[in-house]
């Protein structure tokens, strides 16, 4: 897939996320890795639902933006993750309703915000470490994300009182991961007053999960 096709797919999926309520207003940002190095990034202050290919920012492999639209101010934490996860080809950051609600709860387990109760959470995400709260755009977010990504195989990280950061093998995979994760968080809230069957360690291991 060339850069133009990759950008078209990115715009299509960003609008799909917006249209289905995974992103509102100017919240959220998305990036993809270019084959020749560097990244395509949603622009600063943009709505995921109102983008064109020409609106997207291009960032060099060294993190320097090329002339044109400016990348999201939160791209710094995307880049920090890309540096420690070379297999990641796309990153989606959302303020989706149920994951953001989860991120606002006190006393979340820092090593894994959602105890596995469906196989799909295990197969797509594995587990989800929690990053402490910092103001949006703070350099500490990238630092802590990189550290957590180095220490685990997780495909998603919950930013306290903020939202979620999801990785993927490509943009479709990252979006699929984000959708599955939001649905898992929704189910978690639906089941809060119920007795839930959580997967056993053996069941998690059978699915390829674990830390």
Protein backbone atom coordinates (compact mmCIF):
# COMPACT_ATOMS: atom_id res chain seq x y z
CA UNK A 1 0.00 0.00 0.00
CA UNK A 2 1.47 3.38 -0.99
CA UNK A 3 1.20 6.56 1.08
CA UNK A 4 -1.81 7.91 -0.80
CA UNK A 5 -3.78 4.68 -0.41
CA UNK A 6 -2.76 4.49 3.23
CA UNK A 7 -3.93 8.09 3.79
CA UNK A 8 -7.26 7.41 2.05
CA UNK A 9 -7.84 4.38 4.27
CA UNK A 10 -6.91 6.42 7.33
CA UNK A 11 -9.44 9.16 6.45
CA UNK A 12 -12.17 6.57 5.79
CA UNK A 13 -11.63 4.80 9.12
CA UNK A 14 -11.33 8.04 11.09
CA UNK A 15 -14.73 9.12 9.74
CA UNK A 16 -16.16 5.71 10.55
CA UNK A 17 -14.97 6.05 14.16
CA UNK A 18 -16.44 9.55 14.41
CA UNK A 19 -19.77 8.63 12.81
CA UNK A 20 -20.25 5.79 15.30
CA UNK A 21 -19.45 7.94 18.35
CA UNK A 22 -15.98 6.65 19.16
CA UNK A 23 -14.70 10.22 18.81
CA UNK A 24 -16.45 13.58 19.23
CA UNK A 25 -15.52 17.14 18.34
CA UNK A 26 -11.78 17.52 17.94
CA UNK A 27 -10.92 14.68 20.30
CA UNK A 28 -8.62 11.81 19.40
CA UNK A 29 -5.74 11.35 16.98
CA UNK A 30 -4.45 8.65 14.66
CA UNK A 31 -1.11 7.90 13.01
CA UNK A 32 0.32 5.34 10.61
CA UNK A 33 3.91 4.41 9.85
CA UNK A 34 5.19 5.03 6.29
CA UNK A 35 7.13 2.30 4.50
CA UNK A 36 10.08 4.58 3.78
CA UNK A 37 10.22 5.95 7.32
CA UNK A 38 8.21 8.64 9.02
CA UNK A 39 4.52 8.88 9.70
CA UNK A 40 1.16 10.17 8.48
CA UNK A 41 -0.69 11.87 11.35
CA UNK A 42 -4.07 13.50 11.88
CA UNK A 43 -3.55 17.28 12.19
CA UNK A 44 -3.68 19.31 15.37
CA UNK A 45 -7.14 20.50 16.42
CA UNK A 46 -8.91 18.38 13.82
CA UNK A 47 -12.09 16.32 13.97
CA UNK A 48 -11.70 12.69 12.96
CA UNK A 49 -15.03 13.01 11.14
CA UNK A 50 -14.05 15.94 8.92
CA UNK A 51 -10.71 15.06 7.32
CA UNK A 52 -9.42 14.83 3.77
CA UNK A 53 -6.16 13.33 2.56
CA UNK A 54 -4.79 16.85 2.07
CA UNK A 55 -5.48 17.67 5.74
CA UNK A 56 -3.15 14.97 7.04
CA UNK A 57 0.29 15.86 8.38
CA UNK A 58 3.47 14.08 7.36
CA UNK A 59 6.29 13.65 9.87
CA UNK A 60 9.81 12.53 9.03
CA UNK A 61 11.51 9.53 10.61
CA UNK A 62 13.38 11.92 12.92
CA UNK A 63 10.09 13.40 14.19
CA UNK A 64 10.34 16.61 12.16
CA UNK A 65 7.08 17.68 10.46
CA UNK A 66 7.26 18.39 6.73
CA UNK A 67 5.80 21.66 5.36
CA UNK A 68 2.01 21.63 5.45
CA UNK A 69 -0.54 20.71 8.13
CA UNK A 70 0.85 20.39 11.65
CA UNK A 71 0.54 17.00 13.37
CA UNK A 72 -1.48 16.51 16.53
CA UNK A 73 0.26 17.85 19.61
CA UNK A 74 -0.09 14.35 21.07
CA UNK A 75 1.95 12.74 18.29
CA UNK A 76 4.93 12.83 20.66
CA UNK A 77 3.55 9.87 22.59
CA UNK A 78 2.74 8.02 19.37
CA UNK A 79 6.38 8.37 18.36
CA UNK A 80 7.59 7.18 21.75
CA UNK A 81 5.55 4.00 21.29
CA UNK A 82 6.73 3.46 17.72
CA UNK A 83 10.33 3.61 18.89
CA UNK A 84 9.91 0.70 21.32
CA UNK A 85 7.37 -1.25 19.25
CA UNK A 86 8.80 -1.53 15.71
CA UNK A 87 6.08 -4.04 14.79
CA UNK A 88 3.37 -1.42 15.36
CA UNK A 89 2.33 0.23 12.08
CA UNK A 90 -0.60 2.32 13.37
CA UNK A 91 -1.79 3.95 16.59
CA UNK A 92 -5.29 5.11 17.48
CA UNK A 93 -5.93 7.41 20.45
CA UNK A 94 -9.60 7.85 21.39
CA UNK A 95 -11.73 9.43 24.10
CA UNK A 96 -14.46 6.84 23.51
CA UNK A 97 -17.25 6.83 26.08
CA UNK A 98 -16.80 3.61 28.03
CA UNK A 99 -13.01 3.50 27.99
CA UNK A 100 -12.82 7.13 29.10
CA UNK A 101 -15.35 6.41 31.84
CA UNK A 102 -13.20 3.47 32.93
CA UNK A 103 -10.11 5.69 32.93
CA UNK A 104 -11.80 8.02 35.43
CA UNK A 105 -12.39 5.32 38.06
CA UNK A 106 -10.26 5.30 41.20
CA UNK A 107 -8.09 2.36 42.23
CA UNK A 108 -7.84 0.69 38.83
CA UNK A 109 -5.28 -2.13 38.78
CA UNK A 110 -2.26 -0.45 37.18
CA UNK A 111 -1.01 -3.60 35.49
CA UNK A 112 -4.34 -4.41 33.80
CA UNK A 113 -7.43 -2.20 33.86
CA UNK A 114 -9.78 -4.96 32.64
CA UNK A 115 -9.64 -8.45 34.07
CA UNK A 116 -10.28 -10.77 31.10
CA UNK A 117 -13.80 -12.14 30.77
CA UNK A 118 -14.01 -12.61 26.98
CA UNK A 119 -11.54 -14.40 24.69
CA UNK A 120 -11.58 -11.48 22.24
CA UNK A 121 -10.09 -9.08 24.77
CA UNK A 122 -7.26 -11.53 25.37
CA UNK A 123 -6.62 -12.28 21.69
CA UNK A 124 -6.72 -8.66 20.50
CA UNK A 125 -5.40 -6.70 23.48
CA UNK A 126 -3.83 -9.14 25.92
CA UNK A 127 -4.02 -6.81 28.88
CA UNK A 128 -4.20 -3.04 29.38
CA UNK A 129 -1.77 -1.20 31.69
CA UNK A 130 -2.87 2.12 33.17
CA UNK A 131 -0.75 5.25 32.71
CA UNK A 132 -1.04 7.87 35.51
CA UNK A 133 -2.80 11.15 34.76
CA UNK A 134 -0.81 13.96 33.14
CA UNK A 135 -2.16 17.01 31.33
CA UNK A 136 -2.82 16.34 27.61
CA UNK A 137 0.36 16.84 25.62
CA UNK A 138 2.68 16.35 28.61
CA UNK A 139 6.00 14.67 27.79
CA UNK A 140 5.54 12.28 30.72
CA UNK A 141 2.79 10.46 28.80
CA UNK A 142 5.21 9.33 26.11
CA UNK A 143 7.83 8.42 28.69
CA UNK A 144 5.46 6.24 30.70
CA UNK A 145 3.86 4.69 27.61
CA UNK A 146 7.25 3.69 26.24
CA UNK A 147 8.25 2.18 29.56
CA UNK A 148 4.99 0.21 29.81
CA UNK A 149 5.30 -0.96 26.19
CA UNK A 150 8.83 -2.20 26.81
CA UNK A 151 7.72 -4.16 29.85
CA UNK A 152 4.68 -5.88 28.32
CA UNK A 153 3.12 -7.22 25.13
CA UNK A 154 -0.07 -5.18 25.61
CA UNK A 155 -1.71 -3.70 22.51
CA UNK A 156 -3.49 -0.95 24.44
CA UNK A 157 -2.84 1.43 27.30
CA UNK A 158 -5.38 3.37 29.36
CA UNK A 159 -4.48 6.98 30.12
CA UNK A 160 -5.97 7.88 33.51
CA UNK A 161 -8.81 10.43 33.26
CA UNK A 162 -8.08 10.81 29.55
CA UNK A 163 -8.72 7.92 27.16
CA UNK A 164 -7.08 4.98 25.44
CA UNK A 165 -4.08 4.39 23.15
CA UNK A 166 -4.30 1.33 20.86
CA UNK A 167 -1.66 -0.23 18.60
CA UNK A 168 -2.06 -2.35 15.48
CA UNK A 169 -0.24 -4.16 12.69
CA UNK A 170 -1.85 -1.64 10.31
CA UNK A 171 -4.60 0.97 10.51
CA UNK A 172 -7.39 -1.61 10.11
CA UNK A 173 -5.95 -3.77 12.87
CA UNK A 174 -5.56 -0.79 15.22
CA UNK A 175 -9.17 0.31 14.61
CA UNK A 176 -10.45 -3.25 15.08
CA UNK A 177 -8.54 -3.47 18.35
CA UNK A 178 -9.99 -0.15 19.52
CA UNK A 179 -13.54 -1.21 18.64
CA UNK A 180 -13.23 -4.55 20.44
CA UNK A 181 -11.74 -2.81 23.46
CA UNK A 182 -14.51 -0.20 23.67
CA UNK A 183 -17.12 -2.96 23.49
CA UNK A 184 -15.31 -4.84 26.28
CA UNK A 185 -15.39 -1.71 28.45
CA UNK A 186 -19.10 -1.29 27.69
CA UNK A 187 -19.78 -4.88 28.73
CA UNK A 188 -17.81 -4.29 31.91
CA UNK A 189 -20.14 -1.47 32.92
CA UNK A 190 -23.25 -3.42 31.88
CA UNK A 191 -22.12 -6.33 34.09
CA UNK A 192 -20.96 -4.32 37.12
CA UNK A 193 -23.81 -5.53 39.32
CA UNK A 194 -23.67 -9.10 38.04
CA UNK A 195 -21.58 -12.12 38.95
CA UNK A 196 -19.06 -12.33 36.12
CA UNK A 197 -17.20 -15.44 34.95
CA UNK A 198 -13.61 -14.31 34.53
CA UNK A 199 -11.25 -16.40 32.43
CA UNK A 200 -8.85 -18.60 34.32
CA UNK A 201 -5.08 -18.35 33.90
CA UNK A 202 -5.15 -21.61 31.93
CA UNK A 203 -7.86 -20.26 29.60
CA UNK A 204 -5.92 -17.04 29.11
CA UNK A 205 -2.73 -18.95 28.35
CA UNK A 206 -4.57 -21.16 25.86
CA UNK A 207 -5.55 -17.99 23.94
CA UNK A 208 -1.96 -16.80 23.82
CA UNK A 209 -2.49 -14.22 26.52
CA UNK A 210 -0.45 -13.42 29.58
CA UNK A 211 2.03 -10.76 30.58
